[in-house]
């Protein structure tokens, strides 16, 4: 037997505690999404800064060659 199709016009009414829990859950999920977006933006910003710093350090390292090592006499 087929399950009856769900019609959005006939939603069951939530009790007061269920509606409060639903509101709290919805708010918590939105806060979690906002925090995740901020964290991802910060991570991207820090990654770009790190890559720029590494590129600058690499450019300095390749422009100044290291002096040759002298061997110690035994």
N, C-alpha and C. Protein backbone atom coordinates (compact mmCIF):
# COMPACT_ATOMS: atom_id res chain seq x y z
N UNK A 1 0.84 -1.17 0.00
CA UNK A 1 0.00 0.00 0.00
C UNK A 1 0.89 1.24 0.00
N UNK A 2 0.48 2.26 -0.71
CA UNK A 2 1.27 3.48 -0.81
C UNK A 2 1.00 4.37 0.40
N UNK A 3 2.04 5.07 0.82
CA UNK A 3 1.89 6.02 1.91
C UNK A 3 1.17 7.26 1.38
N UNK A 4 0.35 7.88 2.20
CA UNK A 4 -0.35 9.08 1.73
C UNK A 4 0.64 10.21 1.48
N UNK A 5 0.37 10.97 0.45
CA UNK A 5 1.24 12.10 0.10
C UNK A 5 1.12 13.18 1.17
N UNK A 6 2.23 13.76 1.51
CA UNK A 6 2.22 14.82 2.52
C UNK A 6 1.84 16.13 1.86
N UNK A 7 0.87 16.77 2.40
CA UNK A 7 0.39 18.04 1.87
C UNK A 7 0.79 19.13 2.86
N UNK A 8 1.53 20.15 2.42
CA UNK A 8 1.99 21.18 3.36
C UNK A 8 0.86 22.01 3.95
N UNK A 9 -0.32 21.94 3.38
CA UNK A 9 -1.43 22.74 3.94
C UNK A 9 -2.00 22.11 5.19
N UNK A 10 -1.77 20.82 5.39
CA UNK A 10 -2.31 20.13 6.56
C UNK A 10 -1.21 19.72 7.52
N UNK A 11 -0.38 20.67 7.92
CA UNK A 11 0.67 20.38 8.89
C UNK A 11 0.05 20.21 10.26
N UNK A 12 0.54 19.25 11.02
CA UNK A 12 0.02 19.12 12.38
C UNK A 12 0.49 20.28 13.25
N UNK A 13 -0.35 20.73 14.14
CA UNK A 13 0.00 21.81 15.04
C UNK A 13 0.99 21.29 16.08
N UNK A 14 2.04 22.07 16.33
CA UNK A 14 3.02 21.71 17.34
C UNK A 14 2.54 22.19 18.70
N UNK A 15 2.89 21.42 19.71
CA UNK A 15 2.55 21.87 21.06
C UNK A 15 3.44 23.05 21.41
N UNK A 16 3.15 23.69 22.52
CA UNK A 16 3.92 24.87 22.92
C UNK A 16 5.38 24.52 23.16
N UNK A 17 5.63 23.39 23.81
CA UNK A 17 7.02 23.00 24.08
C UNK A 17 7.72 22.62 22.79
N UNK A 18 7.00 21.96 21.88
CA UNK A 18 7.62 21.61 20.60
C UNK A 18 7.95 22.84 19.76
N UNK A 19 7.06 23.82 19.80
CA UNK A 19 7.32 25.04 19.02
C UNK A 19 8.49 25.82 19.62
N UNK A 20 8.61 25.85 20.94
CA UNK A 20 9.76 26.51 21.58
C UNK A 20 11.05 25.78 21.23
N UNK A 21 10.99 24.46 21.26
CA UNK A 21 12.17 23.67 20.92
C UNK A 21 12.55 23.88 19.46
N UNK A 22 11.57 23.95 18.59
CA UNK A 22 11.83 24.19 17.17
C UNK A 22 12.47 25.56 16.96
N UNK A 23 11.97 26.57 17.65
CA UNK A 23 12.54 27.91 17.53
C UNK A 23 13.98 27.94 18.03
N UNK A 24 14.22 27.29 19.17
CA UNK A 24 15.58 27.25 19.72
C UNK A 24 16.52 26.51 18.78
N UNK A 25 16.04 25.43 18.21
CA UNK A 25 16.85 24.65 17.27
C UNK A 25 17.17 25.46 16.02
N UNK A 26 16.19 26.17 15.50
CA UNK A 26 16.38 26.99 14.31
C UNK A 26 17.40 28.10 14.57
N UNK A 27 17.30 28.74 15.73
CA UNK A 27 18.23 29.82 16.10
C UNK A 27 19.64 29.26 16.27
N UNK A 28 19.74 28.10 16.94
CA UNK A 28 21.05 27.50 17.16
C UNK A 28 21.72 27.12 15.84
N UNK A 29 20.94 26.57 14.93
CA UNK A 29 21.49 26.19 13.63
C UNK A 29 21.97 27.41 12.85
N UNK A 30 21.22 28.51 12.94
CA UNK A 30 21.65 29.71 12.22
C UNK A 30 22.93 30.28 12.83
N UNK A 31 23.06 30.23 14.15
CA UNK A 31 24.29 30.69 14.80
C UNK A 31 25.48 29.82 14.41
N UNK A 32 25.26 28.53 14.35
CA UNK A 32 26.34 27.61 13.97
C UNK A 32 26.79 27.89 12.54
N UNK A 33 25.84 28.14 11.64
CA UNK A 33 26.19 28.45 10.25
C UNK A 33 26.98 29.76 10.17
N UNK A 34 26.57 30.77 10.94
CA UNK A 34 27.29 32.05 10.93
C UNK A 34 28.71 31.88 11.45
N UNK A 35 28.86 31.13 12.54
CA UNK A 35 30.19 30.91 13.11
C UNK A 35 31.08 30.14 12.13
N UNK A 36 30.50 29.17 11.45
CA UNK A 36 31.28 28.40 10.46
C UNK A 36 31.72 29.29 9.31
N UNK A 37 30.84 30.18 8.86
CA UNK A 37 31.21 31.10 7.78
C UNK A 37 32.33 32.04 8.22
N UNK A 38 32.24 32.55 9.44
CA UNK A 38 33.30 33.42 9.95
C UNK A 38 34.62 32.66 10.08
N UNK A 39 34.55 31.42 10.56
CA UNK A 39 35.76 30.61 10.72
C UNK A 39 36.40 30.33 9.36
N UNK A 40 35.59 30.02 8.36
CA UNK A 40 36.12 29.76 7.02
C UNK A 40 36.76 31.02 6.42
N UNK A 41 36.15 32.17 6.66
CA UNK A 41 36.71 33.43 6.14
C UNK A 41 38.04 33.73 6.82
N UNK A 42 38.12 33.50 8.12
CA UNK A 42 39.36 33.75 8.85
C UNK A 42 40.45 32.80 8.38
N UNK A 43 40.09 31.53 8.17
CA UNK A 43 41.05 30.55 7.71
C UNK A 43 41.60 30.93 6.33
N UNK A 44 40.72 31.37 5.45
CA UNK A 44 41.16 31.77 4.11
C UNK A 44 42.07 32.99 4.18
N UNK A 45 41.72 33.96 5.04
CA UNK A 45 42.53 35.17 5.18
C UNK A 45 43.91 34.81 5.72
N UNK A 46 43.97 33.95 6.74
CA UNK A 46 45.25 33.56 7.32
C UNK A 46 46.08 32.74 6.34
N UNK A 47 45.42 31.88 5.55
CA UNK A 47 46.13 31.08 4.56
C UNK A 47 46.79 31.99 3.52
N UNK A 48 46.05 32.99 3.06
CA UNK A 48 46.61 33.93 2.08
C UNK A 48 47.80 34.69 2.66
N UNK A 49 47.68 35.11 3.92
CA UNK A 49 48.78 35.83 4.56
C UNK A 49 50.01 34.93 4.70
N UNK A 50 49.79 33.66 5.07
CA UNK A 50 50.90 32.73 5.22
C UNK A 50 51.58 32.47 3.88
N UNK A 51 50.80 32.28 2.84
CA UNK A 51 51.38 32.03 1.52
C UNK A 51 52.15 33.24 1.02
N UNK A 52 51.65 34.43 1.28
CA UNK A 52 52.36 35.65 0.87
C UNK A 52 53.68 35.77 1.63
N UNK A 53 53.65 35.45 2.93
CA UNK A 53 54.88 35.52 3.74
C UNK A 53 55.89 34.50 3.26
N UNK A 54 55.43 33.27 2.98
CA UNK A 54 56.35 32.24 2.49
C UNK A 54 56.93 32.61 1.13
N UNK A 55 56.13 33.22 0.27
CA UNK A 55 56.63 33.64 -1.04
C UNK A 55 57.68 34.73 -0.88
N UNK A 56 57.45 35.66 0.04
CA UNK A 56 58.42 36.73 0.27
C UNK A 56 59.72 36.16 0.85
N UNK A 57 59.61 35.23 1.77
CA UNK A 57 60.81 34.62 2.35
C UNK A 57 61.58 33.81 1.30
N UNK A 58 60.85 33.13 0.43
CA UNK A 58 61.50 32.34 -0.62
C UNK A 58 62.22 33.26 -1.60
N UNK A 59 61.64 34.41 -1.90
CA UNK A 59 62.27 35.36 -2.82
C UNK A 59 63.56 35.90 -2.21
N UNK A 60 63.56 36.16 -0.92
CA UNK A 60 64.76 36.66 -0.24
C UNK A 60 65.82 35.57 -0.19
N UNK A 61 65.44 34.33 0.08
CA UNK A 61 66.38 33.24 0.18
C UNK A 61 67.07 32.96 -1.16
N UNK A 62 66.34 33.04 -2.23
CA UNK A 62 66.94 32.71 -3.53
C UNK A 62 67.81 33.85 -4.06
N UNK A 63 67.60 35.07 -3.60
CA UNK A 63 68.40 36.19 -4.11
C UNK A 63 69.77 36.27 -3.43
N UNK A 64 69.90 35.79 -2.22
CA UNK A 64 71.18 35.84 -1.52
C UNK A 64 71.70 34.42 -1.33
N UNK A 65 72.68 33.98 -2.15
CA UNK A 65 73.20 32.61 -1.98
C UNK A 65 74.02 32.50 -0.70
N UNK A 66 74.00 31.33 -0.14
CA UNK A 66 74.75 31.09 1.09
C UNK A 66 76.24 30.97 0.78
N UNK A 67 77.09 31.47 1.67
CA UNK A 67 78.53 31.33 1.43
C UNK A 67 78.94 29.87 1.57
N UNK A 68 79.97 29.46 0.84
CA UNK A 68 80.40 28.05 0.91
C UNK A 68 81.00 27.74 2.28
N UNK A 69 80.81 26.52 2.71
CA UNK A 69 81.36 26.10 4.01
C UNK A 69 82.84 25.81 3.86
N UNK A 70 83.58 26.16 4.89
CA UNK A 70 85.00 25.83 4.89
C UNK A 70 85.20 24.57 5.71
N UNK A 71 86.10 23.75 5.26
CA UNK A 71 86.35 22.49 5.96
C UNK A 71 87.37 22.72 7.06
N UNK A 72 87.14 22.05 8.15
CA UNK A 72 88.11 22.12 9.26
C UNK A 72 89.25 21.16 8.97
N UNK A 73 90.43 21.59 9.41
CA UNK A 73 91.59 20.71 9.25
C UNK A 73 91.64 19.77 10.45
N UNK A 74 91.89 18.50 10.23
CA UNK A 74 91.94 17.54 11.34
C UNK A 74 93.17 17.65 12.19
